[in-house]
N, C-alpha and C. Protein backbone atom coordinates (compact mmCIF):
# COMPACT_ATOMS: atom_id res chain seq x y z
N UNK A 1 21.45 -23.87 22.31
CA UNK A 1 22.62 -23.21 21.36
C UNK A 1 22.65 -22.67 20.16
N UNK A 2 23.03 -21.84 20.19
CA UNK A 2 23.12 -20.96 19.07
C UNK A 2 24.63 -21.79 18.15
N UNK A 3 23.70 -22.29 16.49
CA UNK A 3 25.15 -22.37 16.72
C UNK A 3 26.23 -21.76 15.25
N UNK A 4 26.00 -20.32 15.56
CA UNK A 4 27.00 -19.77 14.97
C UNK A 4 27.97 -18.71 16.30
N UNK A 5 27.37 -19.31 17.49
CA UNK A 5 28.32 -18.68 19.09
C UNK A 5 29.53 -18.29 18.65
N UNK A 6 30.06 -19.43 18.50
CA UNK A 6 31.91 -19.79 18.02
C UNK A 6 31.73 -18.89 17.24
N UNK A 7 31.19 -18.69 15.97
CA UNK A 7 31.81 -17.47 15.12
C UNK A 7 31.38 -16.10 15.61
N UNK A 8 30.30 -15.95 16.51
CA UNK A 8 29.83 -14.55 17.14
C UNK A 8 31.16 -14.32 18.18
N UNK A 9 31.73 -15.51 18.70
CA UNK A 9 32.89 -14.89 19.72
C UNK A 9 33.92 -14.79 19.03
N UNK A 10 34.45 -15.60 18.15
CA UNK A 10 35.46 -15.57 17.45
C UNK A 10 35.17 -13.94 17.15
N UNK A 11 34.54 -13.61 15.92
CA UNK A 11 34.19 -11.92 15.35
C UNK A 11 34.31 -10.72 16.93
N UNK A 12 33.27 -11.58 18.07
CA UNK A 12 34.08 -10.48 18.91
C UNK A 12 35.27 -9.97 19.46
N UNK A 13 35.98 -11.54 19.18
CA UNK A 13 37.26 -10.94 19.35
C UNK A 13 38.22 -10.37 18.20
N UNK A 14 37.43 -10.53 16.91
CA UNK A 14 38.51 -9.87 16.16
C UNK A 14 38.09 -8.37 16.16
N UNK A 15 37.07 -8.00 17.10
CA UNK A 15 36.90 -6.29 16.36
C UNK A 15 37.15 -6.29 17.92
N UNK A 16 37.60 -6.37 19.31
CA UNK A 16 37.87 -6.43 19.60
C UNK A 16 39.28 -5.70 19.88
N UNK A 17 40.50 -6.24 18.87
CA UNK A 17 41.47 -5.99 18.31
C UNK A 17 41.70 -4.74 17.68
N UNK A 18 40.52 -4.04 17.07
CA UNK A 18 40.82 -2.89 16.18
C UNK A 18 41.35 -1.96 17.16
N UNK A 19 41.79 -0.93 16.87
CA UNK A 19 41.89 0.21 17.98
C UNK A 19 40.95 0.86 17.80
N UNK A 20 40.61 1.87 18.98
CA UNK A 20 39.08 2.37 19.33
C UNK A 20 38.89 3.63 18.25
N UNK A 21 40.29 4.06 17.57
CA UNK A 21 39.57 4.87 16.11
C UNK A 21 39.14 4.26 15.10
N UNK A 22 40.06 2.91 15.12
CA UNK A 22 38.99 1.82 13.94
C UNK A 22 37.31 1.59 14.29
N UNK A 23 37.30 1.03 15.59
CA UNK A 23 36.26 0.67 15.61
C UNK A 23 34.90 2.04 15.61
N UNK A 24 35.34 2.96 16.61
CA UNK A 24 34.50 4.35 16.06
C UNK A 24 34.24 4.66 14.49
N UNK A 25 35.11 4.64 13.63
CA UNK A 25 34.89 4.87 12.02
C UNK A 25 34.05 3.30 11.56
N UNK A 26 33.73 2.33 12.48
CA UNK A 26 33.31 0.79 12.16
C UNK A 26 32.12 1.43 12.45
N UNK A 27 31.31 1.63 13.59
CA UNK A 27 30.09 1.92 14.04
C UNK A 27 29.58 2.92 13.48
N UNK A 28 30.59 4.37 13.02
CA UNK A 28 29.63 5.38 12.25
C UNK A 28 29.48 4.65 10.51
N UNK A 29 30.05 4.08 10.05
CA UNK A 29 29.51 3.59 9.01
C UNK A 29 28.48 2.52 8.83
N UNK A 30 28.32 2.08 9.87
CA UNK A 30 27.40 0.75 10.61
C UNK A 30 26.00 2.01 10.80
N UNK A 31 25.85 3.23 11.34
CA UNK A 31 25.38 3.83 11.79
C UNK A 31 24.63 4.68 10.31
N UNK A 32 25.77 5.28 9.45
CA UNK A 32 25.21 5.54 8.32
C UNK A 32 24.20 4.74 7.02
N UNK A 33 24.63 3.37 7.30
CA UNK A 33 23.83 2.34 6.63
C UNK A 33 22.54 2.47 7.13
N UNK A 34 22.26 2.09 8.43
CA UNK A 34 21.24 1.97 8.97
C UNK A 34 20.08 2.98 8.98
N UNK A 35 20.68 3.85 9.22
CA UNK A 35 19.83 5.06 8.93
C UNK A 35 19.53 5.34 7.75
N UNK A 36 19.95 4.90 6.79
CA UNK A 36 19.58 5.04 5.13
C UNK A 36 18.89 3.66 4.87
N UNK A 37 18.91 2.92 5.70
CA UNK A 37 18.18 1.47 5.24
C UNK A 37 16.48 2.06 6.37
N UNK A 38 16.70 2.87 7.14
CA UNK A 38 15.20 2.86 8.29
C UNK A 38 15.08 4.41 7.18
N UNK A 39 15.17 5.39 6.50
CA UNK A 39 14.03 5.82 5.99
C UNK A 39 14.11 5.45 4.99
N UNK A 40 14.38 4.97 3.37
CA UNK A 40 14.00 3.88 2.89
C UNK A 40 12.48 2.97 3.37
N UNK A 41 12.62 2.31 4.18
CA UNK A 41 11.72 1.80 4.91
C UNK A 41 10.19 3.12 5.44
N UNK A 42 10.83 4.53 5.80
CA UNK A 42 9.94 4.66 6.02
C UNK A 42 9.28 6.08 4.89
N UNK A 43 10.04 6.11 3.53
CA UNK A 43 10.05 6.59 3.09
C UNK A 43 8.63 5.53 2.17
N UNK A 44 8.74 4.65 1.99
CA UNK A 44 7.80 3.49 1.37
C UNK A 44 7.10 3.31 2.19
N UNK A 45 7.01 3.56 4.04
CA UNK A 45 5.59 3.51 4.28
C UNK A 45 5.77 1.93 4.71
N UNK A 46 7.01 1.68 5.35
CA UNK A 46 6.51 0.42 5.88
C UNK A 46 7.24 0.10 7.25
N UNK A 47 6.93 -0.52 7.98
CA UNK A 47 7.41 -1.26 9.23
C UNK A 47 8.53 -1.47 8.86
N UNK A 48 10.09 -1.98 10.17
CA UNK A 48 11.00 -2.87 9.63
C UNK A 48 10.57 -4.54 9.48
N UNK A 49 8.61 -4.86 9.45
CA UNK A 49 8.84 -6.34 8.96
C UNK A 49 8.58 -6.20 7.90
N UNK A 50 8.58 -4.99 6.83
CA UNK A 50 7.56 -5.16 6.02
C UNK A 50 6.65 -4.56 5.76
N UNK A 51 5.50 -4.96 7.21
CA UNK A 51 4.06 -4.43 6.93
C UNK A 51 3.62 -3.35 6.19
N UNK A 52 2.33 -2.62 5.63
CA UNK A 52 2.60 -1.69 5.63
C UNK A 52 1.92 -0.86 7.01
N UNK A 53 2.42 0.74 6.82
CA UNK A 53 1.66 1.51 7.91
C UNK A 53 0.74 0.95 7.97
N UNK A 54 0.00 1.60 8.74
CA UNK A 54 -1.83 1.66 8.58
C UNK A 54 -1.82 3.34 7.91
N UNK A 55 -2.56 3.65 6.86
CA UNK A 55 -3.42 4.96 6.96
C UNK A 55 -3.79 5.98 7.60
N UNK A 56 -3.52 6.65 7.53
CA UNK A 56 -3.99 8.23 8.14
C UNK A 56 -5.34 8.12 8.35
N UNK A 57 -6.00 8.25 9.91
CA UNK A 57 -7.30 8.36 9.53
C UNK A 57 -8.11 9.72 8.86
N UNK A 58 -9.32 9.32 8.10
CA UNK A 58 -10.71 10.17 7.39
C UNK A 58 -10.72 11.44 8.40
N UNK A 59 -10.69 12.89 7.32
CA UNK A 59 -10.81 14.05 8.24
C UNK A 59 -12.07 13.73 8.18
N UNK A 60 -12.70 14.68 9.19
CA UNK A 60 -14.07 15.18 9.31
C UNK A 60 -14.86 15.93 8.19
N UNK A 61 -16.06 15.51 7.88
CA UNK A 61 -16.43 16.77 6.28
C UNK A 61 -16.41 17.85 6.00
N UNK A 62 -16.47 18.16 7.37
CA UNK A 62 -16.80 19.60 7.29
C UNK A 62 -14.86 20.29 8.04
N UNK A 63 -14.48 19.48 7.73
CA UNK A 63 -12.69 19.82 8.23
C UNK A 63 -12.45 20.57 7.23
N UNK A 64 -10.65 20.99 7.14
CA UNK A 64 -10.59 21.32 6.78
C UNK A 64 -10.39 21.09 5.34
N UNK A 65 -10.52 22.25 4.35
CA UNK A 65 -10.55 21.77 2.51
C UNK A 65 -8.81 21.08 1.91
N UNK A 66 -9.21 20.97 0.73
CA UNK A 66 -8.37 20.16 0.21
C UNK A 66 -7.93 18.65 0.93
N UNK A 67 -6.76 18.25 0.53
CA UNK A 67 -6.36 16.67 0.86
C UNK A 67 -4.60 16.98 1.62
N UNK A 68 -4.36 16.00 1.73
CA UNK A 68 -2.59 15.93 2.44
C UNK A 68 -2.48 15.49 1.41
N UNK A 69 -1.11 16.24 1.10
CA UNK A 69 -0.74 16.58 -0.10
C UNK A 69 0.84 15.34 -0.17
N UNK A 70 1.77 15.33 1.12
CA UNK A 70 2.72 14.43 1.42
C UNK A 70 2.58 13.12 2.24
N UNK A 71 3.02 12.75 1.99
CA UNK A 71 3.04 10.93 2.86
C UNK A 71 3.80 11.28 4.45
N UNK A 72 3.40 10.62 5.29
CA UNK A 72 3.31 10.42 6.34
C UNK A 72 5.16 10.32 6.98
N UNK A 73 5.47 11.48 8.30
CA UNK A 73 6.72 10.71 8.55
C UNK A 73 7.75 12.01 6.68
N UNK A 74 7.40 12.54 6.15
CA UNK A 74 8.41 13.20 5.12
C UNK A 74 9.36 14.06 6.09
N UNK A 75 9.17 14.51 6.92
CA UNK A 75 10.62 15.65 7.38
C UNK A 75 11.24 14.76 8.03
N UNK A 76 10.90 14.03 8.79
CA UNK A 76 10.61 13.24 9.91
C UNK A 76 11.91 12.01 9.60
N UNK A 77 12.28 11.56 8.88
CA UNK A 77 13.23 11.23 7.79
C UNK A 77 14.29 11.47 7.76
N UNK A 78 14.33 13.07 7.49
CA UNK A 78 15.28 13.91 7.13
C UNK A 78 16.50 13.79 8.00
N UNK A 79 17.79 14.56 7.40
CA UNK A 79 19.02 13.79 8.32
C UNK A 79 18.90 15.07 9.35
N UNK A 80 18.59 16.05 9.43
CA UNK A 80 17.88 17.21 10.38
C UNK A 80 17.75 16.54 11.73
N UNK A 81 16.33 15.39 11.76
CA UNK A 81 15.64 14.99 12.57
C UNK A 81 16.11 13.29 13.04
N UNK A 82 16.89 12.79 11.90
CA UNK A 82 16.85 11.14 12.87
C UNK A 82 18.61 11.77 12.22
N UNK A 83 18.90 11.37 13.57
CA UNK A 83 20.67 10.88 13.69
C UNK A 83 20.96 10.06 13.54
N UNK A 84 22.69 9.86 12.96
CA UNK A 84 23.20 8.76 13.59
C UNK A 84 24.71 8.41 13.71
N UNK A 85 24.67 8.38 14.74
CA UNK A 85 26.05 8.14 15.27
C UNK A 85 26.86 7.17 15.74
N UNK A 86 27.97 6.74 15.91
CA UNK A 86 28.81 5.79 16.61
C UNK A 86 30.23 6.22 16.73
N UNK A 87 30.31 5.09 18.09
CA UNK A 87 31.02 5.05 19.02
C UNK A 87 31.99 3.99 19.25
N UNK A 88 33.12 4.17 19.96
CA UNK A 88 33.76 2.55 20.15
C UNK A 88 33.32 1.83 20.15
N UNK A 89 32.15 2.02 21.21
CA UNK A 89 31.17 0.40 21.44
C UNK A 89 29.64 -0.10 21.22
N UNK A 90 29.09 1.55 20.62
CA UNK A 90 27.55 1.31 19.52
C UNK A 90 27.95 2.16 18.45
N UNK A 91 26.79 1.45 17.94
CA UNK A 91 25.80 2.63 16.61
C UNK A 91 25.07 2.92 16.91
N UNK A 92 23.84 4.14 17.22
CA UNK A 92 22.68 4.79 17.52
C UNK A 92 22.47 5.19 15.83
N UNK A 93 20.67 5.00 16.27
CA UNK A 93 19.66 5.66 14.97
C UNK A 93 19.10 6.01 15.99
N UNK A 94 19.00 7.30 16.05
CA UNK A 94 17.91 8.07 16.82
C UNK A 94 17.05 9.41 15.80
N UNK A 95 15.74 9.65 16.65
CA UNK A 95 15.55 10.86 16.88
C UNK A 95 15.67 11.67 17.54
N UNK A 96 16.02 13.19 17.33
CA UNK A 96 16.65 14.02 18.16
C UNK A 96 15.56 14.96 18.19
N UNK A 97 16.15 15.99 19.33
CA UNK A 97 14.79 17.30 19.52
C UNK A 97 13.93 16.81 20.01
N UNK A 98 12.87 18.08 19.09
CA UNK A 98 11.77 17.80 20.05
C UNK A 98 10.80 16.67 18.53
N UNK A 99 11.25 16.28 17.84
CA UNK A 99 10.38 15.00 16.88
C UNK A 99 10.25 13.74 17.61
N UNK A 100 11.62 13.44 18.70
CA UNK A 100 11.39 12.60 19.76
C UNK A 100 10.04 11.98 20.20
N UNK A 101 9.45 12.76 20.38
CA UNK A 101 8.26 12.67 21.30
C UNK A 101 7.26 12.11 20.41
N UNK A 102 7.47 12.58 19.48
CA UNK A 102 6.53 12.57 18.18
C UNK A 102 6.31 11.08 17.50
N UNK A 103 7.96 10.92 16.72
CA UNK A 103 8.02 9.60 16.90
C UNK A 103 7.32 8.59 17.79
N UNK A 104 7.90 8.93 18.93
CA UNK A 104 7.66 7.63 19.70
C UNK A 104 6.31 7.39 19.85
N UNK A 105 5.23 8.66 19.95
CA UNK A 105 3.40 8.73 19.91
C UNK A 105 3.48 7.14 18.57
N UNK A 106 4.29 7.93 17.40
CA UNK A 106 3.73 6.99 16.13
C UNK A 106 4.21 5.77 16.59
N UNK A 107 5.33 5.32 17.27
CA UNK A 107 6.17 3.96 17.09
C UNK A 107 5.21 3.25 18.02
N UNK A 108 4.64 3.58 18.86
CA UNK A 108 3.94 2.67 20.16
C UNK A 108 2.83 2.84 20.32
N UNK A 109 1.81 3.74 19.32
CA UNK A 109 0.77 3.88 18.99
C UNK A 109 0.34 4.43 20.00
N UNK A 110 0.82 5.31 21.12
CA UNK A 110 0.04 6.19 22.16
C UNK A 110 -0.89 7.21 22.25
N UNK A 111 -1.21 7.96 23.38
CA UNK A 111 -2.38 8.65 22.65
C UNK A 111 -1.19 10.36 23.07
N UNK A 112 -1.99 11.21 22.15
CA UNK A 112 -1.66 12.26 21.80
C UNK A 112 -2.41 13.58 21.98
N UNK A 113 -2.06 14.55 21.76
CA UNK A 113 -2.53 15.86 21.66
C UNK A 113 -1.96 16.58 20.30
N UNK A 114 -2.80 16.57 19.25
CA UNK A 114 -2.30 16.85 17.59
C UNK A 114 -1.40 18.64 18.39
N UNK A 115 -2.35 19.30 18.69
CA UNK A 115 -2.37 20.25 19.05
C UNK A 115 -3.00 21.11 20.88
N UNK A 116 -2.19 22.01 21.38
CA UNK A 116 -2.53 22.21 22.56
C UNK A 116 -3.85 22.27 23.06
N UNK A 117 -4.63 22.50 21.78
CA UNK A 117 -6.40 22.72 21.87
C UNK A 117 -7.43 22.08 22.08
N UNK A 118 -6.40 20.99 21.24
CA UNK A 118 -7.39 19.82 20.68
C UNK A 118 -7.54 18.33 21.95
N UNK A 119 -8.22 17.35 21.53
CA UNK A 119 -8.37 16.31 22.34
C UNK A 119 -7.42 15.97 22.48
N UNK A 120 -7.27 14.75 23.10
CA UNK A 120 -6.80 13.45 23.07
C UNK A 120 -6.93 12.34 22.04
N UNK A 121 -5.77 12.00 21.40
CA UNK A 121 -6.21 11.08 19.67
C UNK A 121 -5.43 9.88 20.20
N UNK A 122 -5.76 8.63 19.60
CA UNK A 122 -5.25 7.65 20.37
C UNK A 122 -4.75 7.46 18.55
N UNK A 123 -3.06 7.40 18.40
CA UNK A 123 -2.60 6.87 17.21
C UNK A 123 -2.78 5.36 17.07
N UNK A 124 -2.33 4.68 16.02
CA UNK A 124 -2.14 3.51 15.78
C UNK A 124 -0.33 3.75 15.59
N UNK A 125 -0.33 2.00 15.93
CA UNK A 125 1.32 1.57 15.86
C UNK A 125 2.08 1.19 14.94
N UNK A 126 3.12 2.29 14.72
CA UNK A 126 3.38 2.32 12.95
C UNK A 126 5.17 2.24 13.17
N UNK A 127 5.42 1.55 13.45
CA UNK A 127 6.75 1.61 13.94
C UNK A 127 7.97 1.66 13.08
N UNK A 128 8.82 2.83 13.77
CA UNK A 128 9.66 3.86 12.45
C UNK A 128 11.07 3.06 12.53
N UNK A 129 11.33 2.60 13.69
CA UNK A 129 13.12 1.72 13.62
C UNK A 129 12.79 0.89 13.98
N UNK A 130 13.54 -0.39 13.38
CA UNK A 130 13.43 -1.79 14.24
C UNK A 130 15.02 -2.59 12.93
N UNK A 131 14.85 -3.39 12.81
CA UNK A 131 15.65 -4.65 12.61
C UNK A 131 14.88 -5.65 11.66
N UNK A 132 15.58 -6.03 10.81
CA UNK A 132 14.85 -6.87 9.79
C UNK A 132 15.78 -7.85 8.89
N UNK A 133 16.22 -8.91 8.46
CA UNK A 133 17.24 -9.87 8.26
C UNK A 133 18.30 -9.00 7.27
N UNK A 134 17.79 -7.43 6.33
CA UNK A 134 18.77 -6.82 5.33
C UNK A 134 19.83 -5.83 6.47
N UNK A 135 19.22 -5.47 8.06
CA UNK A 135 19.42 -4.98 8.85
C UNK A 135 20.84 -5.53 9.04
N UNK A 136 20.50 -7.04 9.53
CA UNK A 136 21.72 -8.08 10.25
C UNK A 136 22.69 -7.75 8.54
N UNK A 137 22.36 -7.86 8.17
CA UNK A 137 23.39 -8.19 6.55
C UNK A 137 23.99 -7.05 5.87
N UNK A 138 23.64 -5.75 6.21
CA UNK A 138 23.97 -4.57 6.37
C UNK A 138 25.16 -4.72 7.64
N UNK A 139 24.81 -5.25 9.03
CA UNK A 139 26.08 -4.62 10.00
C UNK A 139 26.78 -5.92 9.66
N UNK A 140 26.98 -7.21 9.53
CA UNK A 140 27.88 -7.96 9.56
C UNK A 140 28.35 -7.32 7.49
N UNK A 141 27.99 -6.92 6.75
CA UNK A 141 29.03 -6.72 5.96
C UNK A 141 29.78 -5.72 6.06
N UNK A 142 29.41 -4.51 7.24
CA UNK A 142 30.61 -3.82 7.31
C UNK A 142 31.54 -4.10 8.02
N UNK A 143 30.79 -5.17 8.97
CA UNK A 143 32.19 -5.29 9.70
C UNK A 143 33.14 -6.31 9.22
N UNK A 144 32.87 -7.76 8.30
CA UNK A 144 33.54 -8.09 7.06
C UNK A 144 34.30 -7.05 7.07
N UNK A 145 33.75 -6.08 5.50
CA UNK A 145 34.89 -5.24 5.00
C UNK A 145 35.63 -4.21 5.40
N UNK A 146 35.23 -4.18 7.55
CA UNK A 146 36.40 -3.50 8.07
C UNK A 146 37.42 -4.30 7.92
N UNK A 147 37.17 -5.42 8.83
CA UNK A 147 38.02 -6.62 8.78
C UNK A 147 39.03 -7.17 7.89
N UNK A 148 38.39 -6.31 6.42
CA UNK A 148 39.55 -7.37 6.00
C UNK A 148 40.72 -6.82 5.43
């Protein structure tokens, strides 16, 4: 049995007593804070559990000249592609549009073609979104702040 179960049930009852507009406002605030924490993780090239991303594969010797000048997923973490929204029932952080497929491939380590004419490539698993202890702290802090 979970020792915090009585607290969680009481907290769920307090949240249920809030008006729908207040619940939506609270969920939107939680979603914004979660998006910011996920953006920090992606910027620091770390998975939600704190392990670093696997580095990019070395490019072939006779490939393009120059080096890759920006870190992985630099554009992916922007608000244009990573959306945060809250409703009365949930808070969601998700990738939208066409980048959703690319994020899924990297998150789960799937196979994909970088371009239509290239061969399929196995991508390393690089979890982009997820929970850790600080995520739970953010959520509980927002809930307590709203209930005060």
